[in-house]
Each structure stands twice: as C-alpha cells, then as structure tokens.
PDB file of N, CA and C in Angstrom:
ATOM      1  N   MET A   1      25.434  79.060  62.651  1.00  0.00           N
ATOM      2  CA  MET A   1      26.112  77.888  62.946  1.00  0.00           C
ATOM      3  C   MET A   1      24.898  76.888  63.320  1.00  0.00           C
ATOM      4  N   ARG A   2      24.674  75.737  62.684  1.00  0.00           N
ATOM      5  CA  ARG A   2      23.665  74.810  62.855  1.00  0.00           C
ATOM      6  C   ARG A   2      24.149  73.545  63.536  1.00  0.00           C
ATOM      7  N   GLY A   3      23.269  72.915  64.497  1.00  0.00           N
ATOM      8  CA  GLY A   3      23.674  71.622  65.028  1.00  0.00           C
ATOM      9  C   GLY A   3      24.573  71.850  65.993  1.00  0.00           C
ATOM     10  N   LEU A   4      25.004  70.497  66.528  1.00  0.00           N
ATOM     11  CA  LEU A   4      25.959  70.712  67.838  1.00  0.00           C
ATOM     12  C   LEU A   4      27.230  70.939  67.266  1.00  0.00           C
ATOM     13  N   PRO A   5      28.156  71.477  68.354  1.00  0.00           N
ATOM     14  CA  PRO A   5      29.615  71.558  67.805  1.00  0.00           C
ATOM     15  C   PRO A   5      30.186  70.080  67.544  1.00  0.00           C
ATOM     16  N   ARG A   6      31.294  69.892  66.856  1.00  0.00           N
ATOM     17  CA  ARG A   6      31.856  68.769  66.557  1.00  0.00           C
ATOM     18  C   ARG A   6      32.108  67.843  67.709  1.00  0.00           C
ATOM     19  N   ALA A   7      32.621  68.260  68.736  1.00  0.00           N
ATOM     20  CA  ALA A   7      32.905  67.568  69.978  1.00  0.00           C
ATOM     21  C   ALA A   7      31.594  67.017  70.708  1.00  0.00           C
ATOM     22  N   GLU A   8      30.423  67.613  70.482  1.00  0.00           N
ATOM     23  CA  GLU A   8      29.365  67.328  71.383  1.00  0.00           C
ATOM     24  C   GLU A   8      28.493  66.237  70.577  1.00  0.00           C
ATOM     25  N   ARG A   9      28.773  66.258  69.104  1.00  0.00           N
ATOM     26  CA  ARG A   9      28.011  65.177  68.373  1.00  0.00           C
ATOM     27  C   ARG A   9      28.057  63.864  68.832  1.00  0.00           C
ATOM     28  N   PRO A  10      26.926  62.981  68.801  1.00  0.00           N
ATOM     29  CA  PRO A  10      27.099  61.641  68.948  1.00  0.00           C
ATOM     30  C   PRO A  10      27.969  60.828  67.980  1.00  0.00           C
ATOM     31  N   ARG A  11      28.833  59.847  68.543  1.00  0.00           N
ATOM     32  CA  ARG A  11      29.724  59.131  67.672  1.00  0.00           C
ATOM     33  C   ARG A  11      28.964  57.956  67.032  1.00  0.00           C
ATOM     34  N   LEU A  12      29.249  57.449  65.955  1.00  0.00           N
ATOM     35  CA  LEU A  12      28.622  56.370  65.246  1.00  0.00           C
ATOM     36  C   LEU A  12      29.007  55.218  65.945  1.00  0.00           C
ATOM     37  N   LYS A  13      28.022  54.417  66.208  1.00  0.00           N
ATOM     38  CA  LYS A  13      28.183  53.187  67.029  1.00  0.00           C
ATOM     39  C   LYS A  13      28.404  52.077  66.059  1.00  0.00           C
ATOM     40  N   LYS A  14      27.729  51.772  65.057  1.00  0.00           N
ATOM     41  CA  LYS A  14      28.043  50.840  64.092  1.00  0.00           C
ATOM     42  C   LYS A  14      27.374  51.250  62.836  1.00  0.00           C
ATOM     43  N   LEU A  15      28.243  50.835  61.609  1.00  0.00           N
ATOM     44  CA  LEU A  15      27.740  51.109  60.363  1.00  0.00           C
ATOM     45  C   LEU A  15      26.857  50.001  59.823  1.00  0.00           C
ATOM     46  N   ILE A  16      25.729  50.314  59.374  1.00  0.00           N
ATOM     47  CA  ILE A  16      24.674  49.323  58.782  1.00  0.00           C
ATOM     48  C   ILE A  16      24.288  49.728  57.353  1.00  0.00           C
ATOM     49  N   ARG A  17      24.729  48.858  56.332  1.00  0.00           N
ATOM     50  CA  ARG A  17      24.286  49.051  55.013  1.00  0.00           C
ATOM     51  C   ARG A  17      22.902  48.641  54.796  1.00  0.00           C
ATOM     52  N   LEU A  18      22.115  49.560  54.173  1.00  0.00           N
ATOM     53  CA  LEU A  18      20.764  49.392  53.944  1.00  0.00           C
ATOM     54  C   LEU A  18      20.662  49.402  52.455  1.00  0.00           C
ATOM     55  N   GLY A  19      19.426  48.709  51.915  1.00  0.00           N
ATOM     56  CA  GLY A  19      19.333  48.737  50.541  1.00  0.00           C
ATOM     57  C   GLY A  19      17.918  48.655  50.320  1.00  0.00           C
ATOM     58  N   THR A  20      17.411  48.781  48.971  1.00  0.00           N
ATOM     59  CA  THR A  20      15.911  48.700  48.650  1.00  0.00           C
ATOM     60  C   THR A  20      15.956  48.062  47.283  1.00  0.00           C
ATOM     61  N   LEU A  21      14.921  47.399  46.975  1.00  0.00           N
ATOM     62  CA  LEU A  21      14.912  46.628  45.724  1.00  0.00           C
ATOM     63  C   LEU A  21      13.465  46.354  45.408  1.00  0.00           C
ATOM     64  N   ASN A  22      13.072  46.756  44.059  1.00  0.00           N
ATOM     65  CA  ASN A  22      11.686  46.605  43.537  1.00  0.00           C
ATOM     66  C   ASN A  22      11.566  45.388  42.762  1.00  0.00           C
ATOM     67  N   VAL A  23      10.926  44.343  43.254  1.00  0.00           N
ATOM     68  CA  VAL A  23      10.812  43.173  42.266  1.00  0.00           C
ATOM     69  C   VAL A  23       9.590  42.655  41.963  1.00  0.00           C
ATOM     70  N   GLY A  24       9.108  42.004  41.008  1.00  0.00           N
ATOM     71  CA  GLY A  24       7.918  41.424  40.680  1.00  0.00           C
ATOM     72  C   GLY A  24       7.648  40.310  41.420  1.00  0.00           C
ATOM     73  N   THR A  25       8.590  39.336  41.526  1.00  0.00           N
ATOM     74  CA  THR A  25       8.328  38.118  42.370  1.00  0.00           C
ATOM     75  C   THR A  25       9.722  37.487  42.636  1.00  0.00           C
ATOM     76  N   LEU A  26       9.650  36.775  43.767  1.00  0.00           N
ATOM     77  CA  LEU A  26      11.007  36.397  44.257  1.00  0.00           C
ATOM     78  C   LEU A  26      11.173  34.932  44.019  1.00  0.00           C
ATOM     79  N   THR A  27      10.194  34.177  43.495  1.00  0.00           N
ATOM     80  CA  THR A  27      10.145  32.925  43.075  1.00  0.00           C
ATOM     81  C   THR A  27      11.211  32.433  42.383  1.00  0.00           C
ATOM     82  N   GLY A  28      12.478  31.498  42.955  1.00  0.00           N
ATOM     83  CA  GLY A  28      13.400  31.191  42.143  1.00  0.00           C
ATOM     84  C   GLY A  28      14.620  32.193  42.180  1.00  0.00           C
ATOM     85  N   ARG A  29      14.327  33.172  42.835  1.00  0.00           N
ATOM     86  CA  ARG A  29      15.383  34.371  42.750  1.00  0.00           C
ATOM     87  C   ARG A  29      16.044  34.638  44.319  1.00  0.00           C
ATOM     88  N   SER A  30      15.659  33.783  45.175  1.00  0.00           N
ATOM     89  CA  SER A  30      16.117  34.125  46.588  1.00  0.00           C
ATOM     90  C   SER A  30      17.607  34.058  46.551  1.00  0.00           C
ATOM     91  N   ARG A  31      18.114  32.903  46.062  1.00  0.00           N
ATOM     92  CA  ARG A  31      19.678  32.930  46.165  1.00  0.00           C
ATOM     93  C   ARG A  31      20.307  34.026  45.349  1.00  0.00           C
ATOM     94  N   GLU A  32      19.794  34.275  44.226  1.00  0.00           N
ATOM     95  CA  GLU A  32      20.497  35.624  43.534  1.00  0.00           C
ATOM     96  C   GLU A  32      20.284  36.992  44.346  1.00  0.00           C
ATOM     97  N   MET A  33      19.335  36.951  45.174  1.00  0.00           N
ATOM     98  CA  MET A  33      19.193  38.147  46.207  1.00  0.00           C
ATOM     99  C   MET A  33      20.272  38.009  47.295  1.00  0.00           C
ATOM    100  N   ALA A  34      20.564  36.689  47.767  1.00  0.00           N
ATOM    101  CA  ALA A  34      21.414  36.560  48.790  1.00  0.00           C
ATOM    102  C   ALA A  34      22.944  37.034  48.074  1.00  0.00           C
ATOM    103  N   ASP A  35      23.125  36.501  46.930  1.00  0.00           N
ATOM    104  CA  ASP A  35      24.420  36.854  46.292  1.00  0.00           C
ATOM    105  C   ASP A  35      24.528  38.412  46.103  1.00  0.00           C
ATOM    106  N   LEU A  36      23.407  39.132  45.589  1.00  0.00           N
ATOM    107  CA  LEU A  36      23.560  40.503  45.570  1.00  0.00           C
ATOM    108  C   LEU A  36      23.946  41.296  46.964  1.00  0.00           C
ATOM    109  N   MET A  37      23.294  40.793  47.983  1.00  0.00           N
ATOM    110  CA  MET A  37      23.569  41.346  49.289  1.00  0.00           C
ATOM    111  C   MET A  37      25.047  40.953  49.703  1.00  0.00           C
ATOM    112  N   LYS A  38      25.575  40.039  49.234  1.00  0.00           N
ATOM    113  CA  LYS A  38      26.844  39.887  49.813  1.00  0.00           C
ATOM    114  C   LYS A  38      27.860  40.535  48.852  1.00  0.00           C
ATOM    115  N   ARG A  39      27.508  40.639  47.557  1.00  0.00           N
ATOM    116  CA  ARG A  39      28.436  41.468  46.719  1.00  0.00           C
ATOM    117  C   ARG A  39      28.489  43.063  47.002  1.00  0.00           C
ATOM    118  N   ARG A  40      27.388  43.554  47.461  1.00  0.00           N
ATOM    119  CA  ARG A  40      27.200  44.908  47.741  1.00  0.00           C
ATOM    120  C   ARG A  40      27.459  45.211  49.140  1.00  0.00           C
ATOM    121  N   LYS A  41      27.847  44.094  50.059  1.00  0.00           N
ATOM    122  CA  LYS A  41      27.880  44.265  51.478  1.00  0.00           C
ATOM    123  C   LYS A  41      26.529  44.931  52.200  1.00  0.00           C
ATOM    124  N   ILE A  42      25.445  44.596  51.712  1.00  0.00           N
ATOM    125  CA  ILE A  42      24.267  44.959  52.269  1.00  0.00           C
ATOM    126  C   ILE A  42      23.798  44.059  53.446  1.00  0.00           C
ATOM    127  N   GLN A  43      23.429  44.781  54.661  1.00  0.00           N
ATOM    128  CA  GLN A  43      23.170  44.066  55.872  1.00  0.00           C
ATOM    129  C   GLN A  43      21.544  43.984  55.823  1.00  0.00           C
ATOM    130  N   VAL A  44      20.782  45.002  55.454  1.00  0.00           N
ATOM    131  CA  VAL A  44      19.406  45.027  55.601  1.00  0.00           C
ATOM    132  C   VAL A  44      19.002  45.542  54.172  1.00  0.00           C
ATOM    133  N   LEU A  45      18.169  44.690  53.620  1.00  0.00           N
ATOM    134  CA  LEU A  45      17.454  44.853  52.457  1.00  0.00           C
ATOM    135  C   LEU A  45      16.024  44.828  52.356  1.00  0.00           C
ATOM    136  N   ARG A  46      15.367  46.057  51.864  1.00  0.00           N
ATOM    137  CA  ARG A  46      13.925  45.991  51.788  1.00  0.00           C
ATOM    138  C   ARG A  46      13.384  45.811  50.688  1.00  0.00           C
ATOM    139  N   LEU A  47      12.482  44.912  50.405  1.00  0.00           N
ATOM    140  CA  LEU A  47      11.897  44.486  49.078  1.00  0.00           C
ATOM    141  C   LEU A  47      10.414  45.022  48.995  1.00  0.00           C
ATOM    142  N   GLN A  48      10.045  45.300  47.716  1.00  0.00           N
ATOM    143  CA  GLN A  48       8.844  45.854  47.363  1.00  0.00           C
ATOM    144  C   GLN A  48       8.517  45.079  46.198  1.00  0.00           C
ATOM    145  N   GLU A  49       6.968  45.092  46.166  1.00  0.00           N
ATOM    146  CA  GLU A  49       6.154  44.476  45.366  1.00  0.00           C
ATOM    147  C   GLU A  49       6.567  42.877  45.256  1.00  0.00           C
ATOM    148  N   THR A  50       6.563  42.107  46.059  1.00  0.00           N
ATOM    149  CA  THR A  50       7.166  40.833  45.761  1.00  0.00           C
ATOM    150  C   THR A  50       6.024  39.857  45.368  1.00  0.00           C
ATOM    151  N   ARG A  51       4.508  40.220  45.633  1.00  0.00           N
ATOM    152  CA  ARG A  51       3.327  39.485  45.367  1.00  0.00           C
ATOM    153  C   ARG A  51       3.396  38.168  46.220  1.00  0.00           C
ATOM    154  N   TRP A  52       4.059  38.103  47.262  1.00  0.00           N
ATOM    155  CA  TRP A  52       3.948  37.021  48.150  1.00  0.00           C
ATOM    156  C   TRP A  52       2.849  37.450  49.407  1.00  0.00           C
ATOM    157  N   LYS A  53       1.825  36.710  49.545  1.00  0.00           N
ATOM    158  CA  LYS A  53       0.700  36.917  50.321  1.00  0.00           C
ATOM    159  C   LYS A  53       0.809  36.233  51.746  1.00  0.00           C
ATOM    160  N   TRP A  54       1.860  35.874  52.082  1.00  0.00           N
ATOM    161  CA  TRP A  54       1.799  35.098  53.521  1.00  0.00           C
ATOM    162  C   TRP A  54       3.136  35.860  54.285  1.00  0.00           C
ATOM    163  N   ALA A  55       3.153  35.214  55.590  1.00  0.00           N
ATOM    164  CA  ALA A  55       4.060  35.937  56.423  1.00  0.00           C
ATOM    165  C   ALA A  55       4.974  34.424  56.764  1.00  0.00           C
ATOM    166  N   LYS A  56       6.173  34.559  56.717  1.00  0.00           N
ATOM    167  CA  LYS A  56       7.237  33.430  57.014  1.00  0.00           C
ATOM    168  C   LYS A  56       8.722  33.941  57.214  1.00  0.00           C
ATOM    169  N   ALA A  57       9.521  33.150  57.426  1.00  0.00           N
ATOM    170  CA  ALA A  57      11.059  33.486  57.782  1.00  0.00           C
ATOM    171  C   ALA A  57      11.610  32.190  57.411  1.00  0.00           C
ATOM    172  N   GLY A  58      12.871  32.362  56.827  1.00  0.00           N
ATOM    173  CA  GLY A  58      13.703  31.356  56.481  1.00  0.00           C
ATOM    174  C   GLY A  58      15.130  31.840  55.792  1.00  0.00           C
ATOM    175  N   GLU A  59      16.054  30.892  55.938  1.00  0.00           N
ATOM    176  CA  GLU A  59      17.374  31.002  55.362  1.00  0.00           C
ATOM    177  C   GLU A  59      17.516  30.966  54.055  1.00  0.00           C
ATOM    178  N   ILE A  60      17.967  31.836  53.307  1.00  0.00           N
ATOM    179  CA  ILE A  60      18.126  31.755  51.665  1.00  0.00           C
ATOM    180  C   ILE A  60      19.471  31.714  51.214  1.00  0.00           C
ATOM    181  N   GLY A  61      20.460  31.620  52.279  1.00  0.00           N
ATOM    182  CA  GLY A  61      21.982  31.378  51.547  1.00  0.00           C
ATOM    183  C   GLY A  61      22.943  31.969  52.517  1.00  0.00           C
ATOM    184  N   GLU A  62      23.909  31.358  52.749  1.00  0.00           N
ATOM    185  CA  GLU A  62      25.174  31.909  53.388  1.00  0.00           C
ATOM    186  C   GLU A  62      24.791  32.996  54.524  1.00  0.00           C
ATOM    187  N   GLY A  63      24.037  32.568  55.339  1.00  0.00           N
ATOM    188  CA  GLY A  63      23.782  33.477  56.651  1.00  0.00           C
ATOM    189  C   GLY A  63      22.879  34.450  56.316  1.00  0.00           C
ATOM    190  N   VAL A  64      22.082  34.444  55.070  1.00  0.00           N
ATOM    191  CA  VAL A  64      21.146  35.521  54.933  1.00  0.00           C
ATOM    192  C   VAL A  64      19.786  34.904  55.182  1.00  0.00           C
ATOM    193  N   LYS A  65      19.145  35.590  56.057  1.00  0.00           N
ATOM    194  CA  LYS A  65      17.679  35.278  56.612  1.00  0.00           C
ATOM    195  C   LYS A  65      16.688  36.177  55.984  1.00  0.00           C
ATOM    196  N   LEU A  66      15.690  35.525  55.256  1.00  0.00           N
ATOM    197  CA  LEU A  66      14.508  36.458  54.773  1.00  0.00           C
ATOM    198  C   LEU A  66      13.322  36.356  55.754  1.00  0.00           C
ATOM    199  N   TYR A  67      12.819  37.445  56.037  1.00  0.00           N
ATOM    200  CA  TYR A  67      11.658  37.694  56.811  1.00  0.00           C
ATOM    201  C   TYR A  67      10.660  38.299  55.908  1.00  0.00           C
ATOM    202  N   TYR A  68       9.540  37.748  55.606  1.00  0.00           N
ATOM    203  CA  TYR A  68       8.418  38.400  54.809  1.00  0.00           C
ATOM    204  C   TYR A  68       6.998  38.385  55.424  1.00  0.00           C
ATOM    205  N   ASN A  69       6.168  39.396  55.119  1.00  0.00           N
ATOM    206  CA  ASN A  69       4.996  39.557  55.598  1.00  0.00           C
ATOM    207  C   ASN A  69       4.149  40.282  54.273  1.00  0.00           C
ATOM    208  N   GLY A  70       3.431  39.576  53.663  1.00  0.00           N
ATOM    209  CA  GLY A  70       2.836  40.178  52.492  1.00  0.00           C
ATOM    210  C   GLY A  70       1.334  40.051  52.740  1.00  0.00           C
ATOM    211  N   GLU A  71       0.668  40.901  52.128  1.00  0.00           N
ATOM    212  CA  GLU A  71      -0.764  41.132  52.133  1.00  0.00           C
ATOM    213  C   GLU A  71      -1.583  41.251  50.711  1.00  0.00           C
ATOM    214  N   ASP A  72      -2.908  40.850  50.560  1.00  0.00           N
ATOM    215  CA  ASP A  72      -3.137  40.849  49.339  1.00  0.00           C
ATOM    216  C   ASP A  72      -4.251  42.121  49.264  1.00  0.00           C
ATOM    217  N   THR A  73      -3.432  43.105  48.782  1.00  0.00           N
ATOM    218  CA  THR A  73      -4.123  44.521  49.018  1.00  0.00           C
ATOM    219  C   THR A  73      -5.459  44.601  48.030  1.00  0.00           C
ATOM    220  N   ARG A  74      -5.286  43.980  47.038  1.00  0.00           N
ATOM    221  CA  ARG A  74      -6.692  43.829  45.995  1.00  0.00           C
ATOM    222  C   ARG A  74      -7.791  43.271  46.810  1.00  0.00           C
ATOM    223  N   ALA A  75      -7.648  42.199  47.384  1.00  0.00           N
ATOM    224  CA  ALA A  75      -8.692  41.616  48.225  1.00  0.00           C
ATOM    225  C   ALA A  75      -9.186  42.415  49.301  1.00  0.00           C
ATOM    226  N   GLU A  76      -8.240  43.098  50.020  1.00  0.00           N
ATOM    227  CA  GLU A  76      -8.407  43.915  51.073  1.00  0.00           C
ATOM    228  C   GLU A  76      -9.385  45.309  50.599  1.00  0.00           C
ATOM    229  N   LEU A  77      -8.996  45.605  49.483  1.00  0.00           N
ATOM    230  CA  LEU A  77      -9.716  46.813  48.880  1.00  0.00           C
ATOM    231  C   LEU A  77     -10.992  46.522  48.477  1.00  0.00           C
ATOM    232  N   ILE A  78     -11.278  45.185  47.801  1.00  0.00           N
ATOM    233  CA  ILE A  78     -12.642  44.776  47.606  1.00  0.00           C
ATOM    234  C   ILE A  78     -13.420  44.574  48.793  1.00  0.00           C
ATOM    235  N   ASN A  79     -12.971  44.066  49.757  1.00  0.00           N
ATOM    236  CA  ASN A  79     -13.709  43.855  51.004  1.00  0.00           C
ATOM    237  C   ASN A  79     -13.948  45.373  51.440  1.00  0.00           C
ATOM    238  N   GLU A  80     -13.144  46.299  51.561  1.00  0.00           N
ATOM    239  CA  GLU A  80     -13.479  47.780  51.944  1.00  0.00           C
ATOM    240  C   GLU A  80     -14.546  48.220  51.099  1.00  0.00           C
ATOM    241  N   LEU A  81     -14.524  48.107  49.891  1.00  0.00           N
ATOM    242  CA  LEU A  81     -15.723  48.606  48.971  1.00  0.00           C
ATOM    243  C   LEU A  81     -17.000  47.686  49.162  1.00  0.00           C
ATOM    244  N   GLN A  82     -16.993  46.739  49.343  1.00  0.00           N
ATOM    245  CA  GLN A  82     -17.981  45.885  49.761  1.00  0.00           C
ATOM    246  C   GLN A  82     -18.857  46.496  51.054  1.00  0.00           C
ATOM    247  N   GLN A  83     -17.983  46.566  51.883  1.00  0.00           N
ATOM    248  CA  GLN A  83     -18.669  47.188  53.227  1.00  0.00           C
ATOM    249  C   GLN A  83     -19.105  48.596  53.186  1.00  0.00           C
ATOM    250  N   PHE A  84     -18.430  49.474  52.261  1.00  0.00           N
ATOM    251  CA  PHE A  84     -18.773  50.810  52.172  1.00  0.00           C
ATOM    252  C   PHE A  84     -20.180  50.756  51.430  1.00  0.00           C
ATOM    253  N   ASN A  85     -20.165  49.975  50.316  1.00  0.00           N
ATOM    254  CA  ASN A  85     -21.527  49.795  49.773  1.00  0.00           C
ATOM    255  C   ASN A  85     -22.629  49.084  50.430  1.00  0.00           C
ATOM    256  N   ARG A  86     -22.435  48.224  51.461  1.00  0.00           N
ATOM    257  CA  ARG A  86     -23.496  47.627  52.555  1.00  0.00           C
ATOM    258  C   ARG A  86     -23.950  48.762  53.193  1.00  0.00           C
ATOM    259  N   GLU A  87     -23.016  49.775  53.711  1.00  0.00           N
ATOM    260  CA  GLU A  87     -23.219  50.719  54.718  1.00  0.00           C
ATOM    261  C   GLU A  87     -24.146  51.813  53.946  1.00  0.00           C
ATOM    262  N   ASN A  88     -23.708  52.163  52.750  1.00  0.00           N
ATOM    263  CA  ASN A  88     -24.266  53.492  52.194  1.00  0.00           C
ATOM    264  C   ASN A  88     -25.273  53.264  51.260  1.00  0.00           C
ATOM    265  N   TYR A  89     -25.429  51.913  50.587  1.00  0.00           N
ATOM    266  CA  TYR A  89     -26.382  51.539  49.699  1.00  0.00           C
ATOM    267  C   TYR A  89     -27.217  50.424  49.966  1.00  0.00           C
ATOM    268  N   SER A  90     -27.616  50.248  51.177  1.00  0.00           N
ATOM    269  CA  SER A  90     -28.343  49.241  51.762  1.00  0.00           C
ATOM    270  C   SER A  90     -29.772  49.345  51.348  1.00  0.00           C
ATOM    271  N   GLY A  91     -30.318  50.503  50.995  1.00  0.00           N
ATOM    272  CA  GLY A  91     -31.826  50.632  50.680  1.00  0.00           C
ATOM    273  C   GLY A  91     -32.535  51.015  51.851  1.00  0.00           C
ATOM    274  N   ASN A  92     -31.917  51.348  52.916  1.00  0.00           N
ATOM    275  CA  ASN A  92     -32.445  51.949  54.036  1.00  0.00           C
ATOM    276  C   ASN A  92     -32.199  53.391  53.994  1.00  0.00           C
ATOM    277  N   PRO A  93     -33.192  54.339  54.205  1.00  0.00           N
ATOM    278  CA  PRO A  93     -33.174  55.627  54.212  1.00  0.00           C
ATOM    279  C   PRO A  93     -32.294  56.192  55.399  1.00  0.00           C
TER     280      PRO A  93
END
C-alpha cells in the first residue's frame, strides 16, 4: 500500500485550473487570450515564446490581468559569448 490512508490525506482546499500556451506574439491577441481563458475556465495561464522583452502588468479584459516579464535571450547570449572571448582569447598567456 502506498501513501497515506484515505482518511489521513489532506483535503483539497481550492481547485485552480492551469493552462499553458505557446504563442509567437501577443500583439493584438490579448483579448482573444482573455476569451480563451473564460471559455475554458482557466484561472492561471502560462505563456511561452511571446517575444516581449519588457516587464509590465495590465488588464486585458473582463477581470483578466496579464503579468509579463520578458528578456532578450539572444542579446544575453551574445554578451556571454563576448565576455567568454575576452577572458579566454585576450592575447595574454
């Protein structure tokens, strides 16, 4: 037998519906995303690959608030490579 007996298991406090969505860009689609969340009764939606490079928050429709924090991973990678090259190939033995 695995786990706790049924009587000793913690009870569900609140049901939260989670979702994940892979998008190329959200420009002009934030209202569509709010409608999707309402239709599917999703309370927390995780977005990936939005291509937004800043951090903000704002309401996008009918009680849906969007929090986002994006970073330019390509620029970050270039900076790391430049730093690596400076440290390892500076011409100093």
